[in-house]
Amino acid sequence: MSKVTLWMAACALALAIAAYARTADSSTFRGEIADSQCAMNVHSLTRSHQEMLKSKSMGGNSTSCALYCIRYLGGNFVLTTRKHVYHLDNQELAQKFVGMDVKINGTLDAKSETIHINKIESEE
């Protein structure tokens, strides 16, 4: 076997191992794509959009509230569950699902509580 063929085979094997390792640690997370401001009680007592929607100053639904909070109040997209708020590494991808219930496949960095997103799907 030539050195080039051997080198290519080694690279292909390394890539396959890396891809497997990334998906092997993947988990599924379910919740709503929201903004960090509301979800982390920056201006919400219920960790939701309820107070903001009652004031009608930030839109009429969860989506418009989250977009307002991110654009004007410096928030980030997060995944909220009943018991936890997770940061998301891919803000552009999360924005496509803002205000929606989703299923995320990804890996959790427990130290930073950040999900590294592999895939997001709507649950609606």
PDB file of N, CA and C in Angstrom:
ATOM      1  N   MET A   1       0.839  -1.164   0.000  1.00  0.00           N
ATOM      2  CA  MET A   1       0.000   0.000   0.000  1.00  0.00           C
ATOM      3  C   MET A   1       0.896   1.243   0.000  1.00  0.00           C
ATOM      4  N   SER A   2       0.527   2.229  -0.777  1.00  0.00           N
ATOM      5  CA  SER A   2       1.356   3.435  -0.835  1.00  0.00           C
ATOM      6  C   SER A   2       1.135   4.274   0.419  1.00  0.00           C
ATOM      7  N   LYS A   3       2.064   5.181   0.663  1.00  0.00           N
ATOM      8  CA  LYS A   3       1.973   6.047   1.837  1.00  0.00           C
ATOM      9  C   LYS A   3       0.747   6.951   1.756  1.00  0.00           C
ATOM     10  N   VAL A   4       0.394   7.411   0.571  1.00  0.00           N
ATOM     11  CA  VAL A   4      -0.763   8.291   0.394  1.00  0.00           C
ATOM     12  C   VAL A   4      -2.050   7.540   0.732  1.00  0.00           C
ATOM     13  N   THR A   5      -2.179   6.322   0.261  1.00  0.00           N
ATOM     14  CA  THR A   5      -3.367   5.524   0.540  1.00  0.00           C
ATOM     15  C   THR A   5      -3.475   5.242   2.035  1.00  0.00           C
ATOM     16  N   LEU A   6      -2.369   4.894   2.656  1.00  0.00           N
ATOM     17  CA  LEU A   6      -2.349   4.628   4.079  1.00  0.00           C
ATOM     18  C   LEU A   6      -2.715   5.885   4.870  1.00  0.00           C
ATOM     19  N   TRP A   7      -2.181   7.021   4.468  1.00  0.00           N
ATOM     20  CA  TRP A   7      -2.477   8.290   5.128  1.00  0.00           C
ATOM     21  C   TRP A   7      -3.959   8.635   4.974  1.00  0.00           C
ATOM     22  N   MET A   8      -4.528   8.446   3.799  1.00  0.00           N
ATOM     23  CA  MET A   8      -5.944   8.733   3.570  1.00  0.00           C
ATOM     24  C   MET A   8      -6.829   7.820   4.409  1.00  0.00           C
ATOM     25  N   ALA A   9      -6.467   6.568   4.509  1.00  0.00           N
ATOM     26  CA  ALA A   9      -7.236   5.627   5.319  1.00  0.00           C
ATOM     27  C   ALA A   9      -7.183   6.018   6.793  1.00  0.00           C
ATOM     28  N   ALA A  10      -6.027   6.444   7.271  1.00  0.00           N
ATOM     29  CA  ALA A  10      -5.890   6.878   8.662  1.00  0.00           C
ATOM     30  C   ALA A  10      -6.740   8.115   8.936  1.00  0.00           C
ATOM     31  N   CYS A  11      -6.756   9.053   7.998  1.00  0.00           N
ATOM     32  CA  CYS A  11      -7.578  10.264   8.158  1.00  0.00           C
ATOM     33  C   CYS A  11      -9.064   9.922   8.174  1.00  0.00           C
ATOM     34  N   ALA A  12      -9.484   9.045   7.280  1.00  0.00           N
ATOM     35  CA  ALA A  12     -10.889   8.642   7.231  1.00  0.00           C
ATOM     36  C   ALA A  12     -11.286   7.959   8.534  1.00  0.00           C
ATOM     37  N   LEU A  13     -10.440   7.124   9.076  1.00  0.00           N
ATOM     38  CA  LEU A  13     -10.711   6.442  10.337  1.00  0.00           C
ATOM     39  C   LEU A  13     -10.802   7.454  11.482  1.00  0.00           C
ATOM     40  N   ALA A  14      -9.903   8.420  11.513  1.00  0.00           N
ATOM     41  CA  ALA A  14      -9.928   9.446  12.568  1.00  0.00           C
ATOM     42  C   ALA A  14     -11.213  10.265  12.499  1.00  0.00           C
ATOM     43  N   LEU A  15     -11.648  10.623  11.300  1.00  0.00           N
ATOM     44  CA  LEU A  15     -12.892  11.373  11.140  1.00  0.00           C
ATOM     45  C   LEU A  15     -14.096  10.555  11.584  1.00  0.00           C
ATOM     46  N   ALA A  16     -14.107   9.295  11.252  1.00  0.00           N
ATOM     47  CA  ALA A  16     -15.207   8.420  11.646  1.00  0.00           C
ATOM     48  C   ALA A  16     -15.272   8.284  13.168  1.00  0.00           C
ATOM     49  N   ILE A  17     -14.136   8.140  13.807  1.00  0.00           N
ATOM     50  CA  ILE A  17     -14.092   8.028  15.269  1.00  0.00           C
ATOM     51  C   ILE A  17     -14.583   9.329  15.908  1.00  0.00           C
ATOM     52  N   ALA A  18     -14.155  10.467  15.384  1.00  0.00           N
ATOM     53  CA  ALA A  18     -14.581  11.765  15.920  1.00  0.00           C
ATOM     54  C   ALA A  18     -16.088  11.948  15.766  1.00  0.00           C
ATOM     55  N   ALA A  19     -16.629  11.575  14.633  1.00  0.00           N
ATOM     56  CA  ALA A  19     -18.073  11.702  14.400  1.00  0.00           C
ATOM     57  C   ALA A  19     -18.851  10.784  15.338  1.00  0.00           C
ATOM     58  N   TYR A  20     -18.365   9.588  15.536  1.00  0.00           N
ATOM     59  CA  TYR A  20     -19.026   8.647  16.436  1.00  0.00           C
ATOM     60  C   TYR A  20     -18.984   9.155  17.873  1.00  0.00           C
ATOM     61  N   ALA A  21     -17.849   9.682  18.291  1.00  0.00           N
ATOM     62  CA  ALA A  21     -17.714  10.180  19.657  1.00  0.00           C
ATOM     63  C   ALA A  21     -18.674  11.335  19.906  1.00  0.00           C
ATOM     64  N   ARG A  22     -18.867  12.175  18.912  1.00  0.00           N
ATOM     65  CA  ARG A  22     -19.777  13.320  19.074  1.00  0.00           C
ATOM     66  C   ARG A  22     -21.224  12.852  19.212  1.00  0.00           C
ATOM     67  N   THR A  23     -21.642  11.868  18.434  1.00  0.00           N
ATOM     68  CA  THR A  23     -23.022  11.399  18.512  1.00  0.00           C
ATOM     69  C   THR A  23     -23.223  10.401  19.652  1.00  0.00           C
ATOM     70  N   ALA A  24     -22.175   9.745  20.095  1.00  0.00           N
ATOM     71  CA  ALA A  24     -22.317   8.767  21.168  1.00  0.00           C
ATOM     72  C   ALA A  24     -22.712   9.432  22.479  1.00  0.00           C
ATOM     73  N   ASP A  25     -22.263  10.655  22.702  1.00  0.00           N
ATOM     74  CA  ASP A  25     -22.578  11.373  23.935  1.00  0.00           C
ATOM     75  C   ASP A  25     -23.822  12.230  23.799  1.00  0.00           C
ATOM     76  N   SER A  26     -24.493  12.164  22.674  1.00  0.00           N
ATOM     77  CA  SER A  26     -25.663  13.002  22.439  1.00  0.00           C
ATOM     78  C   SER A  26     -26.824  12.581  23.316  1.00  0.00           C
ATOM     79  N   SER A  27     -27.595  13.581  23.690  1.00  0.00           N
ATOM     80  CA  SER A  27     -28.809  13.363  24.470  1.00  0.00           C
ATOM     81  C   SER A  27     -29.939  14.127  23.805  1.00  0.00           C
ATOM     82  N   THR A  28     -31.158  13.837  24.217  1.00  0.00           N
ATOM     83  CA  THR A  28     -32.318  14.551  23.714  1.00  0.00           C
ATOM     84  C   THR A  28     -32.861  15.434  24.828  1.00  0.00           C
ATOM     85  N   PHE A  29     -33.111  16.686  24.491  1.00  0.00           N
ATOM     86  CA  PHE A  29     -33.644  17.664  25.433  1.00  0.00           C
ATOM     87  C   PHE A  29     -34.938  18.212  24.845  1.00  0.00           C
ATOM     88  N   ARG A  30     -35.950  18.375  25.673  1.00  0.00           N
ATOM     89  CA  ARG A  30     -37.236  18.909  25.219  1.00  0.00           C
ATOM     90  C   ARG A  30     -37.596  20.136  26.046  1.00  0.00           C
ATOM     91  N   GLY A  31     -38.143  21.138  25.372  1.00  0.00           N
ATOM     92  CA  GLY A  31     -38.559  22.348  26.060  1.00  0.00           C
ATOM     93  C   GLY A  31     -38.924  23.416  25.056  1.00  0.00           C
ATOM     94  N   GLU A  32     -38.938  24.662  25.516  1.00  0.00           N
ATOM     95  CA  GLU A  32     -39.285  25.802  24.663  1.00  0.00           C
ATOM     96  C   GLU A  32     -38.054  26.662  24.424  1.00  0.00           C
ATOM     97  N   ILE A  33     -37.898  27.121  23.203  1.00  0.00           N
ATOM     98  CA  ILE A  33     -36.848  28.090  22.910  1.00  0.00           C
ATOM     99  C   ILE A  33     -37.363  29.450  23.376  1.00  0.00           C
ATOM    100  N   ALA A  34     -36.680  30.024  24.349  1.00  0.00           N
ATOM    101  CA  ALA A  34     -37.092  31.290  24.948  1.00  0.00           C
ATOM    102  C   ALA A  34     -35.870  32.207  25.028  1.00  0.00           C
ATOM    103  N   ASP A  35     -36.038  33.310  25.745  1.00  0.00           N
ATOM    104  CA  ASP A  35     -34.913  34.225  25.938  1.00  0.00           C
ATOM    105  C   ASP A  35     -34.409  34.113  27.370  1.00  0.00           C
ATOM    106  N   SER A  36     -33.135  34.400  27.549  1.00  0.00           N
ATOM    107  CA  SER A  36     -32.522  34.270  28.870  1.00  0.00           C
ATOM    108  C   SER A  36     -33.081  35.284  29.866  1.00  0.00           C
ATOM    109  N   GLN A  37     -33.520  36.437  29.404  1.00  0.00           N
ATOM    110  CA  GLN A  37     -34.045  37.461  30.301  1.00  0.00           C
ATOM    111  C   GLN A  37     -35.274  36.950  31.059  1.00  0.00           C
ATOM    112  N   CYS A  38     -36.254  36.447  30.346  1.00  0.00           N
ATOM    113  CA  CYS A  38     -37.463  35.929  30.992  1.00  0.00           C
ATOM    114  C   CYS A  38     -37.180  34.606  31.705  1.00  0.00           C
ATOM    115  N   ALA A  39     -36.435  33.723  31.077  1.00  0.00           N
ATOM    116  CA  ALA A  39     -36.221  32.382  31.613  1.00  0.00           C
ATOM    117  C   ALA A  39     -35.391  32.368  32.887  1.00  0.00           C
ATOM    118  N   MET A  40     -34.545  33.375  33.071  1.00  0.00           N
ATOM    119  CA  MET A  40     -33.667  33.395  34.243  1.00  0.00           C
ATOM    120  C   MET A  40     -34.068  34.466  35.256  1.00  0.00           C
ATOM    121  N   ASN A  41     -35.321  34.863  35.211  1.00  0.00           N
ATOM    122  CA  ASN A  41     -35.888  35.804  36.182  1.00  0.00           C
ATOM    123  C   ASN A  41     -35.221  37.176  36.190  1.00  0.00           C
ATOM    124  N   VAL A  42     -34.673  37.612  35.075  1.00  0.00           N
ATOM    125  CA  VAL A  42     -34.112  38.955  35.027  1.00  0.00           C
ATOM    126  C   VAL A  42     -35.231  39.975  35.203  1.00  0.00           C
ATOM    127  N   HIS A  43     -36.360  39.765  34.548  1.00  0.00           N
ATOM    128  CA  HIS A  43     -37.525  40.642  34.716  1.00  0.00           C
ATOM    129  C   HIS A  43     -38.828  39.862  34.786  1.00  0.00           C
ATOM    130  N   SER A  44     -38.732  38.637  35.243  1.00  0.00           N
ATOM    131  CA  SER A  44     -39.910  37.773  35.329  1.00  0.00           C
ATOM    132  C   SER A  44     -39.870  36.991  36.634  1.00  0.00           C
ATOM    133  N   LEU A  45     -40.959  36.987  37.355  1.00  0.00           N
ATOM    134  CA  LEU A  45     -41.025  36.247  38.607  1.00  0.00           C
ATOM    135  C   LEU A  45     -41.351  34.773  38.404  1.00  0.00           C
ATOM    136  N   THR A  46     -41.913  34.435  37.248  1.00  0.00           N
ATOM    137  CA  THR A  46     -42.373  33.069  37.000  1.00  0.00           C
ATOM    138  C   THR A  46     -41.500  32.310  36.008  1.00  0.00           C
ATOM    139  N   ARG A  47     -40.348  32.867  35.650  1.00  0.00           N
ATOM    140  CA  ARG A  47     -39.448  32.248  34.667  1.00  0.00           C
ATOM    141  C   ARG A  47     -40.179  31.993  33.359  1.00  0.00           C
ATOM    142  N   SER A  48     -41.034  32.950  32.986  1.00  0.00           N
ATOM    143  CA  SER A  48     -41.800  32.823  31.750  1.00  0.00           C
ATOM    144  C   SER A  48     -42.049  34.214  31.185  1.00  0.00           C
ATOM    145  N   HIS A  49     -42.867  34.271  30.160  1.00  0.00           N
ATOM    146  CA  HIS A  49     -43.199  35.544  29.515  1.00  0.00           C
ATOM    147  C   HIS A  49     -44.463  36.180  30.101  1.00  0.00           C
ATOM    148  N   GLN A  50     -45.072  35.559  31.107  1.00  0.00           N
ATOM    149  CA  GLN A  50     -46.378  35.988  31.605  1.00  0.00           C
ATOM    150  C   GLN A  50     -46.442  37.466  31.981  1.00  0.00           C
ATOM    151  N   GLU A  51     -45.505  37.928  32.812  1.00  0.00           N
ATOM    152  CA  GLU A  51     -45.548  39.332  33.240  1.00  0.00           C
ATOM    153  C   GLU A  51     -45.376  40.295  32.073  1.00  0.00           C
ATOM    154  N   MET A  52     -44.479  39.958  31.187  1.00  0.00           N
ATOM    155  CA  MET A  52     -44.212  40.838  30.051  1.00  0.00           C
ATOM    156  C   MET A  52     -45.402  40.894  29.098  1.00  0.00           C
ATOM    157  N   LEU A  53     -46.049  39.766  28.896  1.00  0.00           N
ATOM    158  CA  LEU A  53     -47.210  39.738  28.002  1.00  0.00           C
ATOM    159  C   LEU A  53     -48.385  40.505  28.599  1.00  0.00           C
ATOM    160  N   LYS A  54     -48.530  40.472  29.926  1.00  0.00           N
ATOM    161  CA  LYS A  54     -49.605  41.242  30.571  1.00  0.00           C
ATOM    162  C   LYS A  54     -49.412  42.741  30.379  1.00  0.00           C
ATOM    163  N   SER A  55     -48.147  43.178  30.360  1.00  0.00           N
ATOM    164  CA  SER A  55     -47.875  44.610  30.192  1.00  0.00           C
ATOM    165  C   SER A  55     -48.091  45.068  28.746  1.00  0.00           C
ATOM    166  N   LYS A  56     -48.124  44.115  27.836  1.00  0.00           N
ATOM    167  CA  LYS A  56     -48.322  44.363  26.405  1.00  0.00           C
ATOM    168  C   LYS A  56     -47.263  45.286  25.798  1.00  0.00           C
ATOM    169  N   SER A  57     -46.156  45.472  26.496  1.00  0.00           N
ATOM    170  CA  SER A  57     -45.094  46.329  25.977  1.00  0.00           C
ATOM    171  C   SER A  57     -44.069  45.551  25.158  1.00  0.00           C
ATOM    172  N   MET A  58     -44.120  44.236  25.224  1.00  0.00           N
ATOM    173  CA  MET A  58     -43.126  43.418  24.536  1.00  0.00           C
ATOM    174  C   MET A  58     -43.763  42.417  23.592  1.00  0.00           C
ATOM    175  N   GLY A  59     -44.919  42.763  23.061  1.00  0.00           N
ATOM    176  CA  GLY A  59     -45.574  41.889  22.110  1.00  0.00           C
ATOM    177  C   GLY A  59     -46.719  41.127  22.722  1.00  0.00           C
ATOM    178  N   GLY A  60     -47.385  40.355  21.889  1.00  0.00           N
ATOM    179  CA  GLY A  60     -48.575  39.657  22.325  1.00  0.00           C
ATOM    180  C   GLY A  60     -48.414  38.160  22.488  1.00  0.00           C
ATOM    181  N   ASN A  61     -47.205  37.630  22.249  1.00  0.00           N
ATOM    182  CA  ASN A  61     -47.000  36.191  22.411  1.00  0.00           C
ATOM    183  C   ASN A  61     -45.556  35.913  22.821  1.00  0.00           C
ATOM    184  N   SER A  62     -45.267  34.664  23.133  1.00  0.00           N
ATOM    185  CA  SER A  62     -43.937  34.284  23.606  1.00  0.00           C
ATOM    186  C   SER A  62     -42.846  34.599  22.589  1.00  0.00           C
ATOM    187  N   THR A  63     -43.151  34.407  21.320  1.00  0.00           N
ATOM    188  CA  THR A  63     -42.162  34.654  20.272  1.00  0.00           C
ATOM    189  C   THR A  63     -41.763  36.121  20.220  1.00  0.00           C
ATOM    190  N   SER A  64     -42.749  37.008  20.174  1.00  0.00           N
ATOM    191  CA  SER A  64     -42.435  38.431  20.077  1.00  0.00           C
ATOM    192  C   SER A  64     -41.752  38.931  21.350  1.00  0.00           C
ATOM    193  N   CYS A  65     -42.140  38.395  22.506  1.00  0.00           N
ATOM    194  CA  CYS A  65     -41.500  38.778  23.758  1.00  0.00           C
ATOM    195  C   CYS A  65     -40.023  38.366  23.749  1.00  0.00           C
ATOM    196  N   ALA A  66     -39.744  37.129  23.372  1.00  0.00           N
ATOM    197  CA  ALA A  66     -38.360  36.642  23.342  1.00  0.00           C
ATOM    198  C   ALA A  66     -37.522  37.442  22.359  1.00  0.00           C
ATOM    199  N   LEU A  67     -38.052  37.722  21.190  1.00  0.00           N
ATOM    200  CA  LEU A  67     -37.299  38.499  20.202  1.00  0.00           C
ATOM    201  C   LEU A  67     -37.026  39.913  20.710  1.00  0.00           C
ATOM    202  N   TYR A  68     -38.000  40.512  21.374  1.00  0.00           N
ATOM    203  CA  TYR A  68     -37.815  41.847  21.946  1.00  0.00           C
ATOM    204  C   TYR A  68     -36.699  41.818  23.001  1.00  0.00           C
ATOM    205  N   CYS A  69     -36.768  40.852  23.898  1.00  0.00           N
ATOM    206  CA  CYS A  69     -35.784  40.761  24.975  1.00  0.00           C
ATOM    207  C   CYS A  69     -34.371  40.540  24.446  1.00  0.00           C
ATOM    208  N   ILE A  70     -34.253  39.801  23.381  1.00  0.00           N
ATOM    209  CA  ILE A  70     -32.939  39.555  22.807  1.00  0.00           C
ATOM    210  C   ILE A  70     -32.437  40.788  22.064  1.00  0.00           C
ATOM    211  N   ARG A  71     -33.297  41.398  21.302  1.00  0.00           N
ATOM    212  CA  ARG A  71     -32.881  42.546  20.495  1.00  0.00           C
ATOM    213  C   ARG A  71     -32.597  43.783  21.343  1.00  0.00           C
ATOM    214  N   TYR A  72     -33.442  44.058  22.335  1.00  0.00           N
ATOM    215  CA  TYR A  72     -33.334  45.313  23.069  1.00  0.00           C
ATOM    216  C   TYR A  72     -32.786  45.191  24.493  1.00  0.00           C
ATOM    217  N   LEU A  73     -32.823  44.003  25.063  1.00  0.00           N
ATOM    218  CA  LEU A  73     -32.413  43.857  26.465  1.00  0.00           C
ATOM    219  C   LEU A  73     -31.187  42.967  26.652  1.00  0.00           C
ATOM    220  N   GLY A  74     -30.575  42.529  25.560  1.00  0.00           N
ATOM    221  CA  GLY A  74     -29.318  41.793  25.646  1.00  0.00           C
ATOM    222  C   GLY A  74     -29.420  40.333  26.015  1.00  0.00           C
ATOM    223  N   GLY A  75     -30.581  39.735  25.814  1.00  0.00           N
ATOM    224  CA  GLY A  75     -30.735  38.320  26.134  1.00  0.00           C
ATOM    225  C   GLY A  75     -30.159  37.411  25.066  1.00  0.00           C
ATOM    226  N   ASN A  76     -30.177  36.130  25.346  1.00  0.00           N
ATOM    227  CA  ASN A  76     -29.764  35.082  24.412  1.00  0.00           C
ATOM    228  C   ASN A  76     -30.864  34.031  24.355  1.00  0.00           C
ATOM    229  N   PHE A  77     -30.869  33.250  23.280  1.00  0.00           N
ATOM    230  CA  PHE A  77     -31.820  32.147  23.186  1.00  0.00           C
ATOM    231  C   PHE A  77     -31.377  31.030  24.116  1.00  0.00           C
ATOM    232  N   VAL A  78     -32.338  30.452  24.817  1.00  0.00           N
ATOM    233  CA  VAL A  78     -32.094  29.350  25.742  1.00  0.00           C
ATOM    234  C   VAL A  78     -33.181  28.300  25.543  1.00  0.00           C
ATOM    235  N   LEU A  79     -32.937  27.128  26.082  1.00  0.00           N
ATOM    236  CA  LEU A  79     -33.966  26.089  26.126  1.00  0.00           C
ATOM    237  C   LEU A  79     -34.478  26.034  27.554  1.00  0.00           C
ATOM    238  N   THR A  80     -35.785  26.242  27.711  1.00  0.00           N
ATOM    239  CA  THR A  80     -36.376  26.163  29.045  1.00  0.00           C
ATOM    240  C   THR A  80     -37.155  24.860  29.175  1.00  0.00           C
ATOM    241  N   THR A  81     -36.965  24.205  30.306  1.00  0.00           N
ATOM    242  CA  THR A  81     -37.733  23.020  30.651  1.00  0.00           C
ATOM    243  C   THR A  81     -38.437  23.337  31.967  1.00  0.00           C
ATOM    244  N   ARG A  82     -39.202  22.415  32.467  1.00  0.00           N
ATOM    245  CA  ARG A  82     -39.903  22.668  33.739  1.00  0.00           C
ATOM    246  C   ARG A  82     -38.932  22.953  34.877  1.00  0.00           C
ATOM    247  N   LYS A  83     -37.775  22.307  34.843  1.00  0.00           N
ATOM    248  CA  LYS A  83     -36.861  22.415  35.979  1.00  0.00           C
ATOM    249  C   LYS A  83     -35.537  23.107  35.670  1.00  0.00           C
ATOM    250  N   HIS A  84     -35.278  23.405  34.401  1.00  0.00           N
ATOM    251  CA  HIS A  84     -33.935  23.888  34.077  1.00  0.00           C
ATOM    252  C   HIS A  84     -33.943  24.842  32.888  1.00  0.00           C
ATOM    253  N   VAL A  85     -32.907  25.668  32.824  1.00  0.00           N
ATOM    254  CA  VAL A  85     -32.671  26.548  31.679  1.00  0.00           C
ATOM    255  C   VAL A  85     -31.282  26.210  31.144  1.00  0.00           C
ATOM    256  N   TYR A  86     -31.215  25.870  29.861  1.00  0.00           N
ATOM    257  CA  TYR A  86     -29.949  25.532  29.228  1.00  0.00           C
ATOM    258  C   TYR A  86     -29.549  26.619  28.232  1.00  0.00           C
ATOM    259  N   HIS A  87     -28.280  26.989  28.234  1.00  0.00           N
ATOM    260  CA  HIS A  87     -27.753  27.888  27.209  1.00  0.00           C
ATOM    261  C   HIS A  87     -27.607  27.079  25.925  1.00  0.00           C
ATOM    262  N   LEU A  88     -27.629  27.758  24.790  1.00  0.00           N
ATOM    263  CA  LEU A  88     -27.507  27.088  23.497  1.00  0.00           C
ATOM    264  C   LEU A  88     -26.329  27.669  22.732  1.00  0.00           C
ATOM    265  N   ASP A  89     -25.522  26.791  22.132  1.00  0.00           N
ATOM    266  CA  ASP A  89     -24.328  27.271  21.443  1.00  0.00           C
ATOM    267  C   ASP A  89     -24.610  27.856  20.070  1.00  0.00           C
ATOM    268  N   ASN A  90     -25.672  27.446  19.416  1.00  0.00           N
ATOM    269  CA  ASN A  90     -25.964  27.913  18.058  1.00  0.00           C
ATOM    270  C   ASN A  90     -27.184  28.831  18.100  1.00  0.00           C
ATOM    271  N   GLN A  91     -26.943  30.110  18.304  1.00  0.00           N
ATOM    272  CA  GLN A  91     -28.028  31.079  18.444  1.00  0.00           C
ATOM    273  C   GLN A  91     -28.809  31.260  17.142  1.00  0.00           C
ATOM    274  N   GLU A  92     -28.140  31.196  16.009  1.00  0.00           N
ATOM    275  CA  GLU A  92     -28.832  31.346  14.718  1.00  0.00           C
ATOM    276  C   GLU A  92     -29.836  30.219  14.495  1.00  0.00           C
ATOM    277  N   LEU A  93     -29.450  29.015  14.792  1.00  0.00           N
ATOM    278  CA  LEU A  93     -30.350  27.875  14.636  1.00  0.00           C
ATOM    279  C   LEU A  93     -31.506  27.962  15.625  1.00  0.00           C
ATOM    280  N   ALA A  94     -31.215  28.342  16.857  1.00  0.00           N
ATOM    281  CA  ALA A  94     -32.262  28.460  17.871  1.00  0.00           C
ATOM    282  C   ALA A  94     -33.285  29.526  17.494  1.00  0.00           C
ATOM    283  N   GLN A  95     -32.848  30.611  16.865  1.00  0.00           N
ATOM    284  CA  GLN A  95     -33.752  31.701  16.500  1.00  0.00           C
ATOM    285  C   GLN A  95     -34.865  31.233  15.569  1.00  0.00           C
ATOM    286  N   LYS A  96     -34.595  30.252  14.757  1.00  0.00           N
ATOM    287  CA  LYS A  96     -35.605  29.732  13.831  1.00  0.00           C
ATOM    288  C   LYS A  96     -36.771  29.061  14.571  1.00  0.00           C
ATOM    289  N   PHE A  97     -36.568  28.713  15.839  1.00  0.00           N
ATOM    290  CA  PHE A  97     -37.574  27.982  16.610  1.00  0.00           C
ATOM    291  C   PHE A  97     -38.056  28.761  17.831  1.00  0.00           C
ATOM    292  N   VAL A  98     -37.790  30.050  17.887  1.00  0.00           N
ATOM    293  CA  VAL A  98     -38.139  30.854  19.064  1.00  0.00           C
ATOM    294  C   VAL A  98     -39.633  30.782  19.359  1.00  0.00           C
ATOM    295  N   GLY A  99     -39.949  30.584  20.636  1.00  0.00           N
ATOM    296  CA  GLY A  99     -41.339  30.489  21.070  1.00  0.00           C
ATOM    297  C   GLY A  99     -41.976  29.138  20.836  1.00  0.00           C
ATOM    298  N   MET A 100     -41.238  28.193  20.292  1.00  0.00           N
ATOM    299  CA  MET A 100     -41.798  26.882  19.964  1.00  0.00           C
ATOM    300  C   MET A 100     -41.306  25.819  20.944  1.00  0.00           C
ATOM    301  N   ASP A 101     -42.121  24.784  21.122  1.00  0.00           N
ATOM    302  CA  ASP A 101     -41.681  23.594  21.836  1.00  0.00           C
ATOM    303  C   ASP A 101     -40.851  22.768  20.873  1.00  0.00           C
ATOM    304  N   VAL A 102     -39.666  22.359  21.329  1.00  0.00           N
ATOM    305  CA  VAL A 102     -38.727  21.680  20.449  1.00  0.00           C
ATOM    306  C   VAL A 102     -38.130  20.450  21.108  1.00  0.00           C
ATOM    307  N   LYS A 103     -37.507  19.649  20.265  1.00  0.00           N
ATOM    308  CA  LYS A 103     -36.696  18.514  20.694  1.00  0.00           C
ATOM    309  C   LYS A 103     -35.295  18.789  20.145  1.00  0.00           C
ATOM    310  N   ILE A 104     -34.318  18.854  21.034  1.00  0.00           N
ATOM    311  CA  ILE A 104     -32.933  19.116  20.631  1.00  0.00           C
ATOM    312  C   ILE A 104     -32.103  17.875  20.868  1.00  0.00           C
ATOM    313  N   ASN A 105     -31.344  17.496  19.865  1.00  0.00           N
ATOM    314  CA  ASN A 105     -30.346  16.444  20.001  1.00  0.00           C
ATOM    315  C   ASN A 105     -29.009  17.155  20.098  1.00  0.00           C
ATOM    316  N   GLY A 106     -28.271  16.891  21.170  1.00  0.00           N
ATOM    317  CA  GLY A 106     -26.981  17.545  21.330  1.00  0.00           C
ATOM    318  C   GLY A 106     -26.246  17.017  22.538  1.00  0.00           C
ATOM    319  N   THR A 107     -25.108  17.630  22.803  1.00  0.00           N
ATOM    320  CA  THR A 107     -24.302  17.241  23.949  1.00  0.00           C
ATOM    321  C   THR A 107     -24.298  18.378  24.960  1.00  0.00           C
ATOM    322  N   LEU A 108     -24.359  18.018  26.220  1.00  0.00           N
ATOM    323  CA  LEU A 108     -24.423  18.992  27.297  1.00  0.00           C
ATOM    324  C   LEU A 108     -23.046  19.182  27.910  1.00  0.00           C
ATOM    325  N   ASP A 109     -22.613  20.429  27.956  1.00  0.00           N
ATOM    326  CA  ASP A 109     -21.427  20.802  28.732  1.00  0.00           C
ATOM    327  C   ASP A 109     -21.957  21.161  30.117  1.00  0.00           C
ATOM    328  N   ALA A 110     -21.842  20.246  31.045  1.00  0.00           N
ATOM    329  CA  ALA A 110     -22.449  20.418  32.367  1.00  0.00           C
ATOM    330  C   ALA A 110     -21.871  21.612  33.120  1.00  0.00           C
ATOM    331  N   LYS A 111     -20.620  21.914  32.913  1.00  0.00           N
ATOM    332  CA  LYS A 111     -19.989  23.011  33.636  1.00  0.00           C
ATOM    333  C   LYS A 111     -20.612  24.356  33.251  1.00  0.00           C
ATOM    334  N   SER A 112     -20.827  24.576  31.965  1.00  0.00           N
ATOM    335  CA  SER A 112     -21.402  25.848  31.508  1.00  0.00           C
ATOM    336  C   SER A 112     -22.914  25.761  31.287  1.00  0.00           C
ATOM    337  N   GLU A 113     -23.475  24.567  31.468  1.00  0.00           N
ATOM    338  CA  GLU A 113     -24.896  24.305  31.225  1.00  0.00           C
ATOM    339  C   GLU A 113     -25.302  24.716  29.814  1.00  0.00           C
ATOM    340  N   THR A 114     -24.431  24.411  28.867  1.00  0.00           N
ATOM    341  CA  THR A 114     -24.646  24.750  27.459  1.00  0.00           C
ATOM    342  C   THR A 114     -24.845  23.484  26.645  1.00  0.00           C
ATOM    343  N   ILE A 115     -25.890  23.499  25.830  1.00  0.00           N
ATOM    344  CA  ILE A 115     -26.124  22.388  24.906  1.00  0.00           C
ATOM    345  C   ILE A 115     -25.449  22.727  23.579  1.00  0.00           C
ATOM    346  N   HIS A 116     -24.605  21.830  23.113  1.00  0.00           N
ATOM    347  CA  HIS A 116     -23.995  21.951  21.791  1.00  0.00           C
ATOM    348  C   HIS A 116     -24.934  21.219  20.836  1.00  0.00           C
ATOM    349  N   ILE A 117     -25.635  21.993  20.028  1.00  0.00           N
ATOM    350  CA  ILE A 117     -26.739  21.483  19.218  1.00  0.00           C
ATOM    351  C   ILE A 117     -26.250  20.682  18.020  1.00  0.00           C
ATOM    352  N   ASN A 118     -26.790  19.474  17.872  1.00  0.00           N
ATOM    353  CA  ASN A 118     -26.620  18.699  16.649  1.00  0.00           C
ATOM    354  C   ASN A 118     -27.814  18.913  15.728  1.00  0.00           C
ATOM    355  N   LYS A 119     -29.027  18.934  16.338  1.00  0.00           N
ATOM    356  CA  LYS A 119     -30.254  19.025  15.548  1.00  0.00           C
ATOM    357  C   LYS A 119     -31.383  19.558  16.422  1.00  0.00           C
ATOM    358  N   ILE A 120     -32.243  20.400  15.827  1.00  0.00           N
ATOM    359  CA  ILE A 120     -33.448  20.867  16.499  1.00  0.00           C
ATOM    360  C   ILE A 120     -34.645  20.508  15.638  1.00  0.00           C
ATOM    361  N   GLU A 121     -35.694  20.007  16.283  1.00  0.00           N
ATOM    362  CA  GLU A 121     -36.953  19.718  15.597  1.00  0.00           C
ATOM    363  C   GLU A 121     -38.102  20.320  16.383  1.00  0.00           C
ATOM    364  N   SER A 122     -39.093  20.821  15.684  1.00  0.00           N
ATOM    365  CA  SER A 122     -40.301  21.349  16.331  1.00  0.00           C
ATOM    366  C   SER A 122     -41.129  20.191  16.867  1.00  0.00           C
ATOM    367  N   GLU A 123     -41.700  20.382  18.019  1.00  0.00           N
ATOM    368  CA  GLU A 123     -42.602  19.377  18.597  1.00  0.00           C
ATOM    369  C   GLU A 123     -44.055  19.761  18.371  1.00  0.00           C
ATOM    370  N   GLU A 124     -44.276  20.861  17.674  1.00  0.00           N
ATOM    371  CA  GLU A 124     -45.644  21.352  17.452  1.00  0.00           C
ATOM    372  C   GLU A 124     -46.208  20.830  16.163  1.00  0.00           C
TER     373      GLU A 124
END
